[in-house]
């Protein structure tokens, strides 16, 4: 492995950390900026009630709709994401990977969300750096998301 590949691996790992931090610190625009302009986040493998979001605008709207239902929508306090067991396969300016995650949330209605699974990712090198072209959420344990209002997501319907 050469220095460029090592740098690419580090940048992709950082991208996944930036993704989680942007959500947990309530920054939908920064969350969406982790994706390519036409990027896709698809939670439907974990929860078919959440439609995929395509493009940065839709991704930011999805983030805002869900964090708006969590405690402290204007600051930290409503969710925590952890990621580990990251596997990345580089192929020039593209890469694919998986990474385990735990995403916990506390909703203003008193409910909690608990998601344990893995992300299946497709990454692309862009002028902005590495970005997600696709991020799919796959469950490893049963998903708990009672009380989450899916109609709040603009693509729901």
C-alpha atoms as a PDB file:
ATOM      1  CA  UNK A   1       0.000   0.000   0.000  1.00  0.00           C
ATOM      2  CA  UNK A   2       1.418   3.388  -0.960  1.00  0.00           C
ATOM      3  CA  UNK A   3       1.146   6.740   0.828  1.00  0.00           C
ATOM      4  CA  UNK A   4      -1.751   7.911  -1.374  1.00  0.00           C
ATOM      5  CA  UNK A   5      -3.784   4.824  -0.493  1.00  0.00           C
ATOM      6  CA  UNK A   6      -3.045   5.267   3.199  1.00  0.00           C
ATOM      7  CA  UNK A   7      -4.143   8.890   2.924  1.00  0.00           C
ATOM      8  CA  UNK A   8      -7.315   7.852   1.093  1.00  0.00           C
ATOM      9  CA  UNK A   9      -8.190   5.349   3.827  1.00  0.00           C
ATOM     10  CA  UNK A  10      -7.693   8.006   6.487  1.00  0.00           C
ATOM     11  CA  UNK A  11      -9.833  10.542   4.599  1.00  0.00           C
ATOM     12  CA  UNK A  12     -12.658   8.028   4.127  1.00  0.00           C
ATOM     13  CA  UNK A  13     -12.633   7.140   7.819  1.00  0.00           C
ATOM     14  CA  UNK A  14     -12.738  10.852   8.652  1.00  0.00           C
ATOM     15  CA  UNK A  15     -15.730  11.248   6.327  1.00  0.00           C
ATOM     16  CA  UNK A  16     -17.675   8.665   8.319  1.00  0.00           C
ATOM     17  CA  UNK A  17     -16.798  10.447  11.567  1.00  0.00           C
ATOM     18  CA  UNK A  18     -17.834  13.823  10.108  1.00  0.00           C
ATOM     19  CA  UNK A  19     -21.170  12.284   9.064  1.00  0.00           C
ATOM     20  CA  UNK A  20     -21.946  11.102  12.601  1.00  0.00           C
ATOM     21  CA  UNK A  21     -20.702  14.300  14.250  1.00  0.00           C
ATOM     22  CA  UNK A  22     -22.776  16.535  11.929  1.00  0.00           C
ATOM     23  CA  UNK A  23     -25.951  14.601  12.824  1.00  0.00           C
ATOM     24  CA  UNK A  24     -25.270  14.496  16.549  1.00  0.00           C
ATOM     25  CA  UNK A  25     -24.437  18.221  16.678  1.00  0.00           C
ATOM     26  CA  UNK A  26     -27.518  19.172  14.642  1.00  0.00           C
ATOM     27  CA  UNK A  27     -25.952  20.445  11.400  1.00  0.00           C
ATOM     28  CA  UNK A  28     -28.059  19.139   8.469  1.00  0.00           C
ATOM     29  CA  UNK A  29     -26.112  21.084   5.825  1.00  0.00           C
ATOM     30  CA  UNK A  30     -22.793  19.658   7.043  1.00  0.00           C
ATOM     31  CA  UNK A  31     -24.372  16.197   7.183  1.00  0.00           C
ATOM     32  CA  UNK A  32     -25.552  16.519   3.573  1.00  0.00           C
ATOM     33  CA  UNK A  33     -22.131  17.843   2.491  1.00  0.00           C
ATOM     34  CA  UNK A  34     -20.712  14.402   3.323  1.00  0.00           C
ATOM     35  CA  UNK A  35     -22.469  13.169   0.164  1.00  0.00           C
ATOM     36  CA  UNK A  36     -21.919  13.844  -3.518  1.00  0.00           C
ATOM     37  CA  UNK A  37     -24.373  16.294  -5.112  1.00  0.00           C
ATOM     38  CA  UNK A  38     -26.435  13.311  -6.292  1.00  0.00           C
ATOM     39  CA  UNK A  39     -25.629  11.075  -3.320  1.00  0.00           C
ATOM     40  CA  UNK A  40     -28.133   8.700  -1.772  1.00  0.00           C
ATOM     41  CA  UNK A  41     -28.841   7.713   1.809  1.00  0.00           C
ATOM     42  CA  UNK A  42     -31.055   4.656   1.986  1.00  0.00           C
ATOM     43  CA  UNK A  43     -32.388   3.576   5.376  1.00  0.00           C
ATOM     44  CA  UNK A  44     -35.049   1.319   3.871  1.00  0.00           C
ATOM     45  CA  UNK A  45     -33.057  -1.927   4.350  1.00  0.00           C
ATOM     46  CA  UNK A  46     -33.334  -1.196   8.102  1.00  0.00           C
ATOM     47  CA  UNK A  47     -36.714   0.521   8.150  1.00  0.00           C
ATOM     48  CA  UNK A  48     -38.907   0.460   5.024  1.00  0.00           C
ATOM     49  CA  UNK A  49     -40.939   3.393   6.396  1.00  0.00           C
ATOM     50  CA  UNK A  50     -38.080   5.785   5.611  1.00  0.00           C
ATOM     51  CA  UNK A  51     -37.805   6.509   1.890  1.00  0.00           C
ATOM     52  CA  UNK A  52     -34.342   6.991   0.379  1.00  0.00           C
ATOM     53  CA  UNK A  53     -33.128  10.579   0.143  1.00  0.00           C
ATOM     54  CA  UNK A  54     -31.399  11.510  -3.118  1.00  0.00           C
ATOM     55  CA  UNK A  55     -29.269  14.633  -3.443  1.00  0.00           C
ATOM     56  CA  UNK A  56     -27.918  16.986  -0.823  1.00  0.00           C
ATOM     57  CA  UNK A  57     -31.121  18.994  -0.457  1.00  0.00           C
ATOM     58  CA  UNK A  58     -33.216  15.881   0.256  1.00  0.00           C
ATOM     59  CA  UNK A  59     -30.524  14.474   2.559  1.00  0.00           C
ATOM     60  CA  UNK A  60     -30.423  17.702   4.590  1.00  0.00           C
ATOM     61  CA  UNK A  61     -34.233  17.692   4.761  1.00  0.00           C
ATOM     62  CA  UNK A  62     -34.257  14.088   6.027  1.00  0.00           C
ATOM     63  CA  UNK A  63     -31.700  14.950   8.696  1.00  0.00           C
ATOM     64  CA  UNK A  64     -33.607  18.073   9.749  1.00  0.00           C
ATOM     65  CA  UNK A  65     -36.943  16.212   9.881  1.00  0.00           C
ATOM     66  CA  UNK A  66     -35.611  13.522  12.185  1.00  0.00           C
ATOM     67  CA  UNK A  67     -33.409  15.636  14.445  1.00  0.00           C
ATOM     68  CA  UNK A  68     -36.351  18.012  14.767  1.00  0.00           C
ATOM     69  CA  UNK A  69     -38.129  15.189  16.616  1.00  0.00           C
ATOM     70  CA  UNK A  70     -35.183  14.546  18.928  1.00  0.00           C
ATOM     71  CA  UNK A  71     -34.388  16.287  22.180  1.00  0.00           C
ATOM     72  CA  UNK A  72     -32.465  19.528  21.802  1.00  0.00           C
ATOM     73  CA  UNK A  73     -33.057  19.991  18.054  1.00  0.00           C
ATOM     74  CA  UNK A  74     -30.911  23.140  18.169  1.00  0.00           C
ATOM     75  CA  UNK A  75     -27.945  21.579  19.965  1.00  0.00           C
ATOM     76  CA  UNK A  76     -26.440  18.382  21.281  1.00  0.00           C
ATOM     77  CA  UNK A  77     -28.532  16.104  23.427  1.00  0.00           C
ATOM     78  CA  UNK A  78     -30.796  14.025  21.192  1.00  0.00           C
ATOM     79  CA  UNK A  79     -28.623  11.361  19.595  1.00  0.00           C
ATOM     80  CA  UNK A  80     -25.307   9.576  19.570  1.00  0.00           C
ATOM     81  CA  UNK A  81     -23.667   7.622  16.757  1.00  0.00           C
ATOM     82  CA  UNK A  82     -20.765   5.218  17.157  1.00  0.00           C
ATOM     83  CA  UNK A  83     -18.968   3.414  14.318  1.00  0.00           C
ATOM     84  CA  UNK A  84     -16.399   0.609  14.301  1.00  0.00           C
ATOM     85  CA  UNK A  85     -15.119  -2.416  12.318  1.00  0.00           C
ATOM     86  CA  UNK A  86     -14.512  -0.288   9.238  1.00  0.00           C
ATOM     87  CA  UNK A  87     -13.555  -2.154   6.060  1.00  0.00           C
ATOM     88  CA  UNK A  88     -12.616  -0.177   2.948  1.00  0.00           C
ATOM     89  CA  UNK A  89     -11.719  -1.457  -0.524  1.00  0.00           C
ATOM     90  CA  UNK A  90     -10.026   1.189  -2.669  1.00  0.00           C
ATOM     91  CA  UNK A  91     -10.302   1.284  -6.461  1.00  0.00           C
ATOM     92  CA  UNK A  92      -8.668   4.472  -7.703  1.00  0.00           C
ATOM     93  CA  UNK A  93     -11.120   7.370  -7.282  1.00  0.00           C
ATOM     94  CA  UNK A  94     -13.836   5.055  -6.015  1.00  0.00           C
ATOM     95  CA  UNK A  95     -14.078   2.844  -2.964  1.00  0.00           C
ATOM     96  CA  UNK A  96     -16.570   0.587  -1.236  1.00  0.00           C
ATOM     97  CA  UNK A  97     -16.841  -0.344   2.385  1.00  0.00           C
ATOM     98  CA  UNK A  98     -18.808  -1.457   5.388  1.00  0.00           C
ATOM     99  CA  UNK A  99     -18.765  -0.094   8.897  1.00  0.00           C
ATOM    100  CA  UNK A 100     -20.770  -1.193  11.941  1.00  0.00           C
ATOM    101  CA  UNK A 101     -22.851   1.442  13.697  1.00  0.00           C
ATOM    102  CA  UNK A 102     -24.952   2.088  16.743  1.00  0.00           C
ATOM    103  CA  UNK A 103     -27.310   5.062  16.502  1.00  0.00           C
ATOM    104  CA  UNK A 104     -29.322   5.976  19.583  1.00  0.00           C
ATOM    105  CA  UNK A 105     -31.836   8.776  19.825  1.00  0.00           C
ATOM    106  CA  UNK A 106     -34.138  10.347  22.401  1.00  0.00           C
ATOM    107  CA  UNK A 107     -37.334  11.858  21.002  1.00  0.00           C
ATOM    108  CA  UNK A 108     -39.214  14.824  22.408  1.00  0.00           C
ATOM    109  CA  UNK A 109     -42.312  12.605  22.751  1.00  0.00           C
ATOM    110  CA  UNK A 110     -40.449  10.432  25.277  1.00  0.00           C
ATOM    111  CA  UNK A 111     -39.689   7.567  22.880  1.00  0.00           C
ATOM    112  CA  UNK A 112     -36.236   6.281  22.025  1.00  0.00           C
ATOM    113  CA  UNK A 113     -34.714   5.041  18.810  1.00  0.00           C
ATOM    114  CA  UNK A 114     -32.094   2.305  18.723  1.00  0.00           C
ATOM    115  CA  UNK A 115     -30.428   1.177  15.536  1.00  0.00           C
ATOM    116  CA  UNK A 116     -27.617  -1.385  15.447  1.00  0.00           C
ATOM    117  CA  UNK A 117     -26.291  -2.487  12.089  1.00  0.00           C
ATOM    118  CA  UNK A 118     -23.807  -1.711   9.387  1.00  0.00           C
ATOM    119  CA  UNK A 119     -23.509   0.866   6.671  1.00  0.00           C
ATOM    120  CA  UNK A 120     -22.779  -0.362   3.164  1.00  0.00           C
ATOM    121  CA  UNK A 121     -20.999   2.524   1.515  1.00  0.00           C
ATOM    122  CA  UNK A 122     -19.863   3.611  -1.907  1.00  0.00           C
ATOM    123  CA  UNK A 123     -17.333   6.447  -1.827  1.00  0.00           C
ATOM    124  CA  UNK A 124     -16.154   8.781  -4.598  1.00  0.00           C
ATOM    125  CA  UNK A 125     -13.181  11.145  -4.677  1.00  0.00           C
ATOM    126  CA  UNK A 126     -14.473  14.614  -5.615  1.00  0.00           C
ATOM    127  CA  UNK A 127     -12.825  18.037  -5.803  1.00  0.00           C
ATOM    128  CA  UNK A 128     -14.166  18.495  -2.227  1.00  0.00           C
ATOM    129  CA  UNK A 129     -12.518  15.250  -1.102  1.00  0.00           C
ATOM    130  CA  UNK A 130     -14.006  11.804  -0.527  1.00  0.00           C
ATOM    131  CA  UNK A 131     -17.814  11.762  -0.351  1.00  0.00           C
ATOM    132  CA  UNK A 132     -20.560   9.179  -0.070  1.00  0.00           C
ATOM    133  CA  UNK A 133     -22.182   8.289  -3.381  1.00  0.00           C
ATOM    134  CA  UNK A 134     -24.361   5.806  -1.507  1.00  0.00           C
ATOM    135  CA  UNK A 135     -24.876   4.946   2.141  1.00  0.00           C
ATOM    136  CA  UNK A 136     -27.252   2.104   3.018  1.00  0.00           C
ATOM    137  CA  UNK A 137     -28.237   1.175   6.570  1.00  0.00           C
ATOM    138  CA  UNK A 138     -28.559  -2.564   7.183  1.00  0.00           C
ATOM    139  CA  UNK A 139     -29.824  -3.972  10.502  1.00  0.00           C
ATOM    140  CA  UNK A 140     -27.903  -6.436  12.635  1.00  0.00           C
ATOM    141  CA  UNK A 141     -30.375  -6.317  15.537  1.00  0.00           C
ATOM    142  CA  UNK A 142     -34.074  -5.373  15.502  1.00  0.00           C
ATOM    143  CA  UNK A 143     -34.589  -1.654  14.930  1.00  0.00           C
ATOM    144  CA  UNK A 144     -36.480   0.337  17.576  1.00  0.00           C
ATOM    145  CA  UNK A 145     -38.029   3.523  16.238  1.00  0.00           C
ATOM    146  CA  UNK A 146     -41.541   3.694  17.669  1.00  0.00           C
ATOM    147  CA  UNK A 147     -42.735   7.244  17.958  1.00  0.00           C
ATOM    148  CA  UNK A 148     -40.681   8.546  15.024  1.00  0.00           C
ATOM    149  CA  UNK A 149     -42.997  10.439  12.666  1.00  0.00           C
ATOM    150  CA  UNK A 150     -42.064   9.352   9.162  1.00  0.00           C
ATOM    151  CA  UNK A 151     -44.549  11.778   7.644  1.00  0.00           C
ATOM    152  CA  UNK A 152     -42.214  14.563   8.808  1.00  0.00           C
ATOM    153  CA  UNK A 153     -39.758  13.502   6.087  1.00  0.00           C
ATOM    154  CA  UNK A 154     -40.499  15.524   2.912  1.00  0.00           C
ATOM    155  CA  UNK A 155     -40.097  12.427   0.660  1.00  0.00           C
ATOM    156  CA  UNK A 156     -42.511  10.349   2.752  1.00  0.00           C
ATOM    157  CA  UNK A 157     -45.750   9.526   1.276  1.00  0.00           C
END
